[in-house]
Amino acid sequence: MRRNIPAIFAISALVVLILCSACTFFPSEEKKEGGLTQVTIPVESSRISFGEAQQKLDKYKMDSLNETDGKTIYSLIAKDVDESGNATSWVFGINQGVGAKLLVYDRTGWTVFPWSTVIAEKIALDQIVSPGTLFANNKATITGSSQTVSERRDLELQQGIYTLTIYSGSTNRILTFNATTGALITQT
């Protein structure tokens, strides 16, 4: 009987191995082609609204144990802004009392850089027109006569003035807006 136990175990293991390998050796019904395939990520998924960036900034302030006191925002920059006022990254120029920093928020999270320039006028985020509202209220002025797909827009807020720079090929347009009313100041 003892001689049969190893033989039974070997036969059982062989049966299990055959059954498992049979599952992997059957040809697939799907037709697979070799090579690389392009993965398309919708542009909207990479954009961040001002509201989301502001919430993340508030959370960052609360999570930064050593940096909670004295944070004042002096500069706001939105990179690659779409027609809705959403951007691929938001840059907040802050002063913490111990030094100025640029806080960059994008889909990967926060990046912090030292910043040597601090503007004298603080930005009260609750007293400005949001970038989304600014773009909605000034759509005709911002898009102008051009519907160029290859345009890139960067928005900067300092000292109560939004500066929108629109790059299109080798040319650019600069629009300035009042940050509290959203009214157009200049267009060049």
N, C-alpha and C. Protein backbone atom coordinates (compact mmCIF):
# COMPACT_ATOMS: atom_id res chain seq x y z
N MET A 1 0.82 -1.19 0.00
CA MET A 1 0.00 0.00 0.00
C MET A 1 0.86 1.25 0.00
N ARG A 2 2.00 1.17 0.74
CA ARG A 2 2.86 2.34 0.80
C ARG A 2 3.46 2.67 -0.55
N ARG A 3 3.70 1.69 -1.37
CA ARG A 3 4.26 1.92 -2.70
C ARG A 3 3.25 2.62 -3.60
N ASN A 4 1.97 2.41 -3.37
CA ASN A 4 0.93 3.01 -4.21
C ASN A 4 0.70 4.50 -3.91
N ILE A 5 0.99 4.96 -2.70
CA ILE A 5 0.76 6.36 -2.35
C ILE A 5 1.60 7.30 -3.22
N PRO A 6 2.89 7.07 -3.39
CA PRO A 6 3.65 7.95 -4.28
C PRO A 6 3.17 7.86 -5.72
N ALA A 7 2.78 6.68 -6.16
CA ALA A 7 2.30 6.52 -7.53
C ALA A 7 0.98 7.28 -7.71
N ILE A 8 0.08 7.19 -6.73
CA ILE A 8 -1.21 7.90 -6.80
C ILE A 8 -0.96 9.41 -6.79
N PHE A 9 -0.05 9.86 -5.94
CA PHE A 9 0.28 11.28 -5.86
C PHE A 9 0.86 11.77 -7.18
N ALA A 10 1.75 10.99 -7.81
CA ALA A 10 2.38 11.36 -9.08
C ALA A 10 1.33 11.43 -10.18
N ILE A 11 0.42 10.46 -10.21
CA ILE A 11 -0.63 10.46 -11.24
C ILE A 11 -1.56 11.64 -11.04
N SER A 12 -1.91 11.93 -9.80
CA SER A 12 -2.80 13.08 -9.51
C SER A 12 -2.14 14.38 -9.92
N ALA A 13 -0.86 14.53 -9.61
CA ALA A 13 -0.13 15.75 -9.98
C ALA A 13 -0.06 15.88 -11.49
N LEU A 14 0.14 14.77 -12.19
CA LEU A 14 0.21 14.78 -13.64
C LEU A 14 -1.14 15.18 -14.24
N VAL A 15 -2.23 14.69 -13.70
CA VAL A 15 -3.57 15.03 -14.18
C VAL A 15 -3.83 16.53 -13.98
N VAL A 16 -3.48 17.06 -12.81
CA VAL A 16 -3.67 18.49 -12.53
C VAL A 16 -2.83 19.32 -13.49
N LEU A 17 -1.59 18.92 -13.73
CA LEU A 17 -0.71 19.63 -14.64
C LEU A 17 -1.27 19.62 -16.05
N ILE A 18 -1.78 18.51 -16.51
CA ILE A 18 -2.37 18.41 -17.84
C ILE A 18 -3.60 19.31 -17.96
N LEU A 19 -4.45 19.30 -16.94
CA LEU A 19 -5.65 20.14 -16.98
C LEU A 19 -5.30 21.63 -16.99
N CYS A 20 -4.31 22.01 -16.19
CA CYS A 20 -3.91 23.42 -16.13
C CYS A 20 -3.25 23.86 -17.44
N SER A 21 -2.40 23.00 -18.00
CA SER A 21 -1.72 23.39 -19.23
C SER A 21 -2.68 23.38 -20.41
N ALA A 22 -3.70 22.58 -20.37
CA ALA A 22 -4.67 22.55 -21.46
C ALA A 22 -5.40 23.89 -21.56
N CYS A 23 -5.62 24.52 -20.42
CA CYS A 23 -6.30 25.82 -20.43
C CYS A 23 -5.45 26.90 -21.07
N THR A 24 -4.16 26.77 -20.96
CA THR A 24 -3.29 27.82 -21.50
C THR A 24 -2.87 27.56 -22.93
N PHE A 25 -3.05 26.38 -23.43
CA PHE A 25 -2.61 26.07 -24.77
C PHE A 25 -3.69 26.19 -25.82
N PHE A 26 -4.94 26.39 -25.45
CA PHE A 26 -5.98 26.55 -26.46
C PHE A 26 -5.81 27.90 -27.14
N PRO A 27 -5.97 27.94 -28.45
CA PRO A 27 -5.80 29.22 -29.15
C PRO A 27 -6.92 30.20 -28.75
N SER A 28 -6.55 31.44 -28.69
CA SER A 28 -7.49 32.49 -28.31
C SER A 28 -8.39 32.81 -29.49
N GLU A 29 -9.62 33.18 -29.17
CA GLU A 29 -10.57 33.57 -30.21
C GLU A 29 -10.28 34.97 -30.73
N GLU A 30 -9.60 35.81 -29.89
CA GLU A 30 -9.30 37.18 -30.31
C GLU A 30 -8.15 37.18 -31.29
N LYS A 31 -8.23 38.08 -32.24
CA LYS A 31 -7.12 38.25 -33.17
C LYS A 31 -6.21 39.32 -32.59
N LYS A 32 -4.96 38.95 -32.36
CA LYS A 32 -4.00 39.89 -31.80
C LYS A 32 -2.97 40.20 -32.86
N GLU A 33 -2.65 41.49 -32.94
CA GLU A 33 -1.62 41.90 -33.87
C GLU A 33 -0.44 42.41 -33.08
N GLY A 34 0.73 42.24 -33.60
CA GLY A 34 1.93 42.69 -32.91
C GLY A 34 2.15 44.18 -33.05
N GLY A 35 3.10 44.70 -32.33
CA GLY A 35 3.46 46.10 -32.42
C GLY A 35 2.91 46.92 -31.27
N LEU A 36 3.17 48.19 -31.33
CA LEU A 36 2.74 49.12 -30.30
C LEU A 36 1.39 49.72 -30.67
N THR A 37 0.60 49.99 -29.69
CA THR A 37 -0.66 50.67 -29.94
C THR A 37 -0.65 51.99 -29.19
N GLN A 38 -1.27 52.98 -29.77
CA GLN A 38 -1.32 54.30 -29.16
C GLN A 38 -2.43 54.36 -28.13
N VAL A 39 -2.08 54.83 -26.95
CA VAL A 39 -3.06 55.02 -25.90
C VAL A 39 -3.45 56.48 -25.91
N THR A 40 -4.73 56.74 -26.05
CA THR A 40 -5.21 58.11 -26.10
C THR A 40 -5.83 58.49 -24.77
N ILE A 41 -5.32 59.56 -24.20
CA ILE A 41 -5.88 60.08 -22.95
C ILE A 41 -6.66 61.34 -23.31
N PRO A 42 -7.91 61.42 -22.93
CA PRO A 42 -8.67 62.62 -23.26
C PRO A 42 -8.03 63.85 -22.63
N VAL A 43 -8.03 64.95 -23.39
CA VAL A 43 -7.42 66.19 -22.94
C VAL A 43 -8.08 66.66 -21.64
N GLU A 44 -9.39 66.49 -21.52
CA GLU A 44 -10.12 66.96 -20.35
C GLU A 44 -9.62 66.30 -19.06
N SER A 45 -9.17 65.05 -19.16
CA SER A 45 -8.75 64.35 -17.95
C SER A 45 -7.47 64.93 -17.37
N SER A 46 -6.67 65.60 -18.20
CA SER A 46 -5.42 66.16 -17.70
C SER A 46 -5.60 67.59 -17.20
N ARG A 47 -6.75 68.18 -17.41
CA ARG A 47 -7.00 69.57 -16.99
C ARG A 47 -7.55 69.62 -15.58
N ILE A 48 -7.20 70.68 -14.88
CA ILE A 48 -7.61 70.86 -13.50
C ILE A 48 -8.34 72.20 -13.40
N SER A 49 -9.49 72.20 -12.77
CA SER A 49 -10.23 73.45 -12.58
C SER A 49 -9.58 74.27 -11.48
N PHE A 50 -9.85 75.57 -11.49
CA PHE A 50 -9.33 76.45 -10.45
C PHE A 50 -9.89 76.03 -9.09
N GLY A 51 -11.15 75.64 -9.05
CA GLY A 51 -11.78 75.21 -7.80
C GLY A 51 -11.06 74.02 -7.20
N GLU A 52 -10.73 73.04 -8.03
CA GLU A 52 -10.00 71.86 -7.54
C GLU A 52 -8.62 72.26 -7.04
N ALA A 53 -7.91 73.11 -7.79
CA ALA A 53 -6.58 73.55 -7.36
C ALA A 53 -6.65 74.32 -6.05
N GLN A 54 -7.68 75.13 -5.90
CA GLN A 54 -7.85 75.90 -4.66
C GLN A 54 -8.12 74.97 -3.48
N GLN A 55 -8.95 73.95 -3.69
CA GLN A 55 -9.21 72.97 -2.62
C GLN A 55 -7.94 72.22 -2.25
N LYS A 56 -7.16 71.85 -3.25
CA LYS A 56 -5.90 71.14 -2.99
C LYS A 56 -4.92 72.05 -2.24
N LEU A 57 -4.93 73.35 -2.56
CA LEU A 57 -4.07 74.29 -1.85
C LEU A 57 -4.49 74.40 -0.39
N ASP A 58 -5.79 74.49 -0.13
CA ASP A 58 -6.28 74.54 1.24
C ASP A 58 -5.88 73.29 2.01
N LYS A 59 -6.01 72.13 1.36
CA LYS A 59 -5.63 70.86 2.00
C LYS A 59 -4.12 70.82 2.22
N TYR A 60 -3.36 71.32 1.26
CA TYR A 60 -1.90 71.36 1.40
C TYR A 60 -1.50 72.23 2.59
N LYS A 61 -2.18 73.35 2.75
CA LYS A 61 -1.90 74.24 3.88
C LYS A 61 -2.15 73.52 5.20
N MET A 62 -3.24 72.76 5.27
CA MET A 62 -3.58 72.05 6.51
C MET A 62 -2.62 70.89 6.76
N ASP A 63 -2.18 70.21 5.69
CA ASP A 63 -1.31 69.05 5.84
C ASP A 63 0.15 69.42 6.12
N SER A 64 0.55 70.64 5.80
CA SER A 64 1.93 71.07 6.00
C SER A 64 2.09 71.52 7.44
N LEU A 65 2.55 70.63 8.29
CA LEU A 65 2.62 70.90 9.72
C LEU A 65 3.49 72.11 10.05
N ASN A 66 4.63 72.24 9.40
CA ASN A 66 5.53 73.34 9.73
C ASN A 66 5.21 74.62 8.97
N GLU A 67 4.28 74.56 8.04
CA GLU A 67 4.06 75.69 7.14
C GLU A 67 2.65 76.27 7.24
N THR A 68 1.94 76.04 8.30
CA THR A 68 0.55 76.46 8.35
C THR A 68 0.38 77.94 8.65
N ASP A 69 1.33 78.56 9.32
CA ASP A 69 1.18 79.96 9.68
C ASP A 69 1.80 80.87 8.63
N GLY A 70 1.16 81.98 8.38
CA GLY A 70 1.72 83.03 7.55
C GLY A 70 1.72 82.78 6.07
N LYS A 71 0.93 81.84 5.57
CA LYS A 71 0.89 81.61 4.12
C LYS A 71 0.05 82.69 3.46
N THR A 72 0.67 83.43 2.60
CA THR A 72 -0.01 84.46 1.85
C THR A 72 0.27 84.24 0.38
N ILE A 73 -0.76 84.34 -0.45
CA ILE A 73 -0.59 84.12 -1.89
C ILE A 73 -0.32 85.47 -2.56
N TYR A 74 0.74 85.51 -3.36
CA TYR A 74 1.12 86.74 -4.06
C TYR A 74 1.04 86.59 -5.57
N SER A 75 1.03 85.36 -6.06
CA SER A 75 1.03 85.13 -7.49
C SER A 75 0.26 83.86 -7.80
N LEU A 76 -0.43 83.87 -8.93
CA LEU A 76 -1.16 82.70 -9.40
C LEU A 76 -0.90 82.57 -10.89
N ILE A 77 -0.48 81.40 -11.32
CA ILE A 77 -0.21 81.15 -12.74
C ILE A 77 -0.91 79.86 -13.14
N ALA A 78 -1.62 79.91 -14.26
CA ALA A 78 -2.27 78.73 -14.83
C ALA A 78 -1.60 78.45 -16.18
N LYS A 79 -1.08 77.25 -16.33
CA LYS A 79 -0.38 76.86 -17.56
C LYS A 79 -1.30 76.08 -18.48
N ASP A 80 -1.24 76.42 -19.76
CA ASP A 80 -1.99 75.72 -20.82
C ASP A 80 -3.48 75.66 -20.48
N VAL A 81 -4.11 76.82 -20.43
CA VAL A 81 -5.51 76.95 -20.04
C VAL A 81 -6.41 76.68 -21.24
N ASP A 82 -7.48 75.89 -21.03
CA ASP A 82 -8.44 75.65 -22.11
C ASP A 82 -9.53 76.72 -22.09
N GLU A 83 -10.50 76.59 -22.97
CA GLU A 83 -11.55 77.60 -23.11
C GLU A 83 -12.50 77.64 -21.92
N SER A 84 -12.41 76.69 -21.02
CA SER A 84 -13.24 76.68 -19.81
C SER A 84 -12.53 77.25 -18.59
N GLY A 85 -11.26 77.60 -18.75
CA GLY A 85 -10.49 78.12 -17.63
C GLY A 85 -9.80 77.04 -16.82
N ASN A 86 -9.79 75.81 -17.33
CA ASN A 86 -9.08 74.72 -16.67
C ASN A 86 -7.66 74.66 -17.22
N ALA A 87 -6.70 74.28 -16.37
CA ALA A 87 -5.30 74.30 -16.77
C ALA A 87 -4.63 72.96 -16.49
N THR A 88 -3.49 72.73 -17.16
CA THR A 88 -2.73 71.50 -16.90
C THR A 88 -1.97 71.60 -15.59
N SER A 89 -1.63 72.83 -15.18
CA SER A 89 -0.98 73.01 -13.87
C SER A 89 -1.28 74.41 -13.33
N TRP A 90 -1.28 74.48 -12.01
CA TRP A 90 -1.52 75.74 -11.30
C TRP A 90 -0.31 76.02 -10.42
N VAL A 91 0.17 77.26 -10.47
CA VAL A 91 1.34 77.65 -9.69
C VAL A 91 0.92 78.76 -8.73
N PHE A 92 1.14 78.53 -7.45
CA PHE A 92 0.81 79.52 -6.42
C PHE A 92 2.12 80.05 -5.85
N GLY A 93 2.34 81.36 -5.95
CA GLY A 93 3.49 81.99 -5.33
C GLY A 93 3.09 82.41 -3.93
N ILE A 94 3.71 81.79 -2.93
CA ILE A 94 3.31 82.05 -1.55
C ILE A 94 4.49 82.54 -0.73
N ASN A 95 4.17 83.21 0.38
CA ASN A 95 5.16 83.58 1.37
C ASN A 95 4.72 82.97 2.68
N GLN A 96 5.61 82.26 3.33
CA GLN A 96 5.27 81.57 4.56
C GLN A 96 5.80 82.29 5.79
N GLY A 97 6.36 83.44 5.62
CA GLY A 97 6.97 84.12 6.75
C GLY A 97 8.44 83.74 6.88
N VAL A 98 8.79 82.50 6.56
CA VAL A 98 10.19 82.06 6.61
C VAL A 98 10.82 82.02 5.22
N GLY A 99 10.07 82.33 4.21
CA GLY A 99 10.59 82.33 2.85
C GLY A 99 9.49 82.12 1.84
N ALA A 100 9.76 82.57 0.64
CA ALA A 100 8.78 82.46 -0.43
C ALA A 100 9.01 81.17 -1.22
N LYS A 101 7.91 80.60 -1.70
CA LYS A 101 7.97 79.36 -2.49
C LYS A 101 6.95 79.41 -3.61
N LEU A 102 7.23 78.64 -4.64
CA LEU A 102 6.26 78.39 -5.69
C LEU A 102 5.72 76.97 -5.47
N LEU A 103 4.42 76.86 -5.30
CA LEU A 103 3.77 75.56 -5.16
C LEU A 103 3.11 75.25 -6.50
N VAL A 104 3.55 74.19 -7.14
CA VAL A 104 3.03 73.80 -8.45
C VAL A 104 2.14 72.58 -8.25
N TYR A 105 0.87 72.68 -8.69
CA TYR A 105 -0.05 71.56 -8.59
C TYR A 105 -0.44 71.10 -9.99
N ASP A 106 -0.25 69.82 -10.26
CA ASP A 106 -0.73 69.20 -11.50
C ASP A 106 -1.26 67.82 -11.16
N ARG A 107 -1.57 67.00 -12.14
CA ARG A 107 -2.17 65.69 -11.89
C ARG A 107 -1.25 64.75 -11.11
N THR A 108 0.04 65.04 -11.06
CA THR A 108 0.95 64.20 -10.30
C THR A 108 1.05 64.61 -8.84
N GLY A 109 0.49 65.77 -8.49
CA GLY A 109 0.54 66.25 -7.11
C GLY A 109 1.29 67.56 -7.00
N TRP A 110 1.88 67.79 -5.84
CA TRP A 110 2.56 69.05 -5.54
C TRP A 110 4.06 68.96 -5.79
N THR A 111 4.61 70.07 -6.32
CA THR A 111 6.04 70.25 -6.43
C THR A 111 6.34 71.62 -5.85
N VAL A 112 7.39 71.72 -5.04
CA VAL A 112 7.72 72.97 -4.36
C VAL A 112 9.08 73.47 -4.83
N PHE A 113 9.14 74.77 -5.17
CA PHE A 113 10.38 75.41 -5.60
C PHE A 113 10.62 76.65 -4.75
N PRO A 114 11.88 76.98 -4.47
CA PRO A 114 12.14 78.25 -3.79
C PRO A 114 11.81 79.40 -4.74
N TRP A 115 11.42 80.51 -4.19
CA TRP A 115 11.01 81.66 -5.01
C TRP A 115 11.62 82.90 -4.40
N SER A 116 12.37 83.64 -5.18
CA SER A 116 13.07 84.81 -4.64
C SER A 116 12.30 86.11 -4.81
N THR A 117 11.28 86.13 -5.67
CA THR A 117 10.52 87.33 -5.92
C THR A 117 9.18 87.26 -5.23
N VAL A 118 8.91 88.25 -4.39
CA VAL A 118 7.59 88.33 -3.75
C VAL A 118 6.98 89.67 -4.12
N ILE A 119 5.79 89.63 -4.68
CA ILE A 119 5.07 90.83 -5.04
C ILE A 119 4.44 91.41 -3.77
N ALA A 120 4.32 92.72 -3.73
CA ALA A 120 3.85 93.38 -2.50
C ALA A 120 2.37 93.16 -2.21
N GLU A 121 1.55 93.01 -3.23
CA GLU A 121 0.11 92.92 -3.02
C GLU A 121 -0.36 91.47 -2.90
N LYS A 122 -1.08 91.18 -1.84
CA LYS A 122 -1.61 89.84 -1.60
C LYS A 122 -2.81 89.58 -2.51
N ILE A 123 -3.07 88.29 -2.76
CA ILE A 123 -4.23 87.89 -3.54
C ILE A 123 -5.23 87.24 -2.59
N ALA A 124 -6.41 87.81 -2.53
CA ALA A 124 -7.50 87.21 -1.75
C ALA A 124 -8.33 86.39 -2.73
N LEU A 125 -8.16 85.08 -2.71
CA LEU A 125 -8.81 84.21 -3.69
C LEU A 125 -10.33 84.30 -3.65
N ASP A 126 -10.89 84.67 -2.51
CA ASP A 126 -12.34 84.78 -2.42
C ASP A 126 -12.87 86.11 -2.96
N GLN A 127 -11.98 87.01 -3.39
CA GLN A 127 -12.40 88.31 -3.90
C GLN A 127 -12.09 88.50 -5.38
N ILE A 128 -11.65 87.45 -6.04
CA ILE A 128 -11.34 87.56 -7.47
C ILE A 128 -12.35 86.77 -8.29
N VAL A 129 -12.42 87.12 -9.56
CA VAL A 129 -13.23 86.36 -10.52
C VAL A 129 -12.44 85.10 -10.84
N SER A 130 -13.08 83.96 -10.77
CA SER A 130 -12.37 82.71 -11.07
C SER A 130 -11.99 82.67 -12.54
N PRO A 131 -10.93 81.95 -12.89
CA PRO A 131 -10.55 81.84 -14.30
C PRO A 131 -11.68 81.29 -15.18
N GLY A 132 -12.46 80.35 -14.68
CA GLY A 132 -13.59 79.82 -15.46
C GLY A 132 -14.60 80.90 -15.79
N THR A 133 -14.93 81.75 -14.81
CA THR A 133 -15.86 82.86 -15.04
C THR A 133 -15.24 83.89 -15.97
N LEU A 134 -13.96 84.17 -15.79
CA LEU A 134 -13.27 85.12 -16.66
C LEU A 134 -13.34 84.67 -18.12
N PHE A 135 -13.08 83.39 -18.37
CA PHE A 135 -13.12 82.87 -19.74
C PHE A 135 -14.56 82.85 -20.28
N ALA A 136 -15.52 82.49 -19.45
CA ALA A 136 -16.92 82.44 -19.90
C ALA A 136 -17.42 83.84 -20.25
N ASN A 137 -17.09 84.83 -19.45
CA ASN A 137 -17.58 86.20 -19.68
C ASN A 137 -16.84 86.92 -20.79
N ASN A 138 -15.67 86.46 -21.17
CA ASN A 138 -14.87 87.15 -22.20
C ASN A 138 -14.51 86.22 -23.36
N LYS A 139 -15.38 85.27 -23.64
CA LYS A 139 -15.10 84.25 -24.65
C LYS A 139 -14.79 84.86 -26.02
N ALA A 140 -15.61 85.80 -26.47
CA ALA A 140 -15.41 86.41 -27.78
C ALA A 140 -14.07 87.14 -27.85
N THR A 141 -13.72 87.84 -26.81
CA THR A 141 -12.46 88.58 -26.79
C THR A 141 -11.27 87.64 -26.75
N ILE A 142 -11.37 86.59 -25.98
CA ILE A 142 -10.25 85.65 -25.84
C ILE A 142 -10.03 84.85 -27.11
N THR A 143 -11.10 84.31 -27.69
CA THR A 143 -10.94 83.53 -28.92
C THR A 143 -10.71 84.42 -30.12
N GLY A 144 -11.26 85.65 -30.09
CA GLY A 144 -11.07 86.58 -31.20
C GLY A 144 -11.56 85.98 -32.50
N SER A 145 -10.91 86.32 -33.58
CA SER A 145 -11.30 85.79 -34.88
C SER A 145 -10.61 84.47 -35.16
N SER A 146 -9.68 84.12 -34.31
CA SER A 146 -8.91 82.88 -34.51
C SER A 146 -9.56 81.71 -33.80
N GLN A 147 -9.69 80.63 -34.50
CA GLN A 147 -10.16 79.36 -33.91
C GLN A 147 -9.05 78.33 -34.04
N THR A 148 -7.80 78.78 -33.95
CA THR A 148 -6.65 77.91 -34.12
C THR A 148 -6.59 76.86 -33.03
N VAL A 149 -6.49 75.61 -33.44
CA VAL A 149 -6.43 74.51 -32.49
C VAL A 149 -5.09 74.51 -31.75
N SER A 150 -4.04 74.99 -32.41
CA SER A 150 -2.70 74.92 -31.82
C SER A 150 -2.40 76.07 -30.86
N GLU A 151 -3.40 76.82 -30.46
CA GLU A 151 -3.17 77.89 -29.50
C GLU A 151 -2.86 77.34 -28.12
N ARG A 152 -2.03 78.07 -27.42
CA ARG A 152 -1.76 77.75 -26.01
C ARG A 152 -1.96 79.03 -25.22
N ARG A 153 -2.64 78.88 -24.07
CA ARG A 153 -2.94 80.04 -23.24
C ARG A 153 -2.33 79.85 -21.85
N ASP A 154 -1.65 80.89 -21.38
CA ASP A 154 -1.15 80.93 -20.00
C ASP A 154 -1.75 82.14 -19.32
N LEU A 155 -2.21 81.95 -18.10
CA LEU A 155 -2.89 83.00 -17.35
C LEU A 155 -2.10 83.28 -16.08
N GLU A 156 -1.88 84.56 -15.80
CA GLU A 156 -1.14 84.96 -14.61
C GLU A 156 -1.92 86.03 -13.87
N LEU A 157 -1.94 85.92 -12.55
CA LEU A 157 -2.61 86.91 -11.70
C LEU A 157 -1.60 87.47 -10.71
N GLN A 158 -1.38 88.79 -10.81
CA GLN A 158 -0.53 89.50 -9.86
C GLN A 158 -1.06 90.91 -9.73
N GLN A 159 -1.03 91.42 -8.54
CA GLN A 159 -1.41 92.80 -8.23
C GLN A 159 -2.77 93.18 -8.79
N GLY A 160 -3.73 92.26 -8.68
CA GLY A 160 -5.11 92.54 -9.07
C GLY A 160 -5.37 92.52 -10.57
N ILE A 161 -4.44 92.03 -11.36
CA ILE A 161 -4.60 92.01 -12.81
C ILE A 161 -4.30 90.61 -13.35
N TYR A 162 -5.26 90.09 -14.13
CA TYR A 162 -5.04 88.86 -14.87
C TYR A 162 -4.34 89.23 -16.17
N THR A 163 -3.28 88.52 -16.50
CA THR A 163 -2.62 88.68 -17.80
C THR A 163 -2.72 87.35 -18.52
N LEU A 164 -3.41 87.37 -19.65
CA LEU A 164 -3.59 86.16 -20.46
C LEU A 164 -2.71 86.28 -21.70
N THR A 165 -1.78 85.36 -21.84
CA THR A 165 -0.91 85.33 -23.01
C THR A 165 -1.35 84.16 -23.88
N ILE A 166 -1.69 84.46 -25.13
CA ILE A 166 -2.15 83.44 -26.07
C ILE A 166 -1.08 83.27 -27.14
N TYR A 167 -0.49 82.08 -27.18
CA TYR A 167 0.56 81.76 -28.14
C TYR A 167 -0.07 80.99 -29.30
N SER A 168 0.21 81.46 -30.51
CA SER A 168 -0.29 80.78 -31.70
C SER A 168 0.82 80.82 -32.75
N GLY A 169 1.48 79.70 -32.92
CA GLY A 169 2.61 79.66 -33.84
C GLY A 169 3.73 80.55 -33.33
N SER A 170 4.18 81.48 -34.17
CA SER A 170 5.26 82.39 -33.77
C SER A 170 4.73 83.73 -33.25
N THR A 171 3.42 83.87 -33.15
CA THR A 171 2.84 85.13 -32.66
C THR A 171 2.17 84.90 -31.31
N ASN A 172 1.95 86.01 -30.61
CA ASN A 172 1.20 85.90 -29.37
C ASN A 172 0.38 87.17 -29.16
N ARG A 173 -0.70 87.01 -28.40
CA ARG A 173 -1.56 88.12 -28.01
C ARG A 173 -1.55 88.19 -26.49
N ILE A 174 -1.61 89.40 -25.97
CA ILE A 174 -1.66 89.57 -24.52
C ILE A 174 -2.91 90.38 -24.18
N LEU A 175 -3.72 89.81 -23.29
CA LEU A 175 -4.93 90.47 -22.81
C LEU A 175 -4.78 90.66 -21.31
N THR A 176 -5.20 91.82 -20.79
CA THR A 176 -5.20 92.03 -19.35
C THR A 176 -6.62 92.31 -18.89
N PHE A 177 -6.94 91.78 -17.72
CA PHE A 177 -8.29 91.90 -17.16
C PHE A 177 -8.20 92.32 -15.69
N ASN A 178 -9.21 93.05 -15.25
CA ASN A 178 -9.33 93.38 -13.83
C ASN A 178 -9.71 92.09 -13.11
N ALA A 179 -8.97 91.73 -12.07
CA ALA A 179 -9.20 90.45 -11.40
C ALA A 179 -10.46 90.43 -10.55
N THR A 180 -10.93 91.59 -10.10
CA THR A 180 -12.13 91.58 -9.26
C THR A 180 -13.42 91.70 -10.07
N THR A 181 -13.34 92.34 -11.25
CA THR A 181 -14.55 92.49 -12.07
C THR A 181 -14.54 91.61 -13.30
N GLY A 182 -13.35 91.23 -13.77
CA GLY A 182 -13.24 90.44 -15.00
C GLY A 182 -13.30 91.29 -16.26
N ALA A 183 -13.32 92.61 -16.11
CA ALA A 183 -13.41 93.51 -17.27
C ALA A 183 -12.06 93.58 -17.99
N LEU A 184 -12.13 93.67 -19.32
CA LEU A 184 -10.94 93.79 -20.15
C LEU A 184 -10.29 95.15 -19.90
N ILE A 185 -8.97 95.16 -19.70
CA ILE A 185 -8.24 96.41 -19.52
C ILE A 185 -7.52 96.77 -20.81
N THR A 186 -6.66 95.86 -21.30
CA THR A 186 -5.94 96.11 -22.56
C THR A 186 -5.87 94.85 -23.39
N GLN A 187 -5.63 95.07 -24.68
CA GLN A 187 -5.47 93.97 -25.63
C GLN A 187 -4.36 94.35 -26.59
N THR A 188 -3.30 93.53 -26.64
CA THR A 188 -2.21 93.81 -27.59
C THR A 188 -1.88 92.59 -28.40
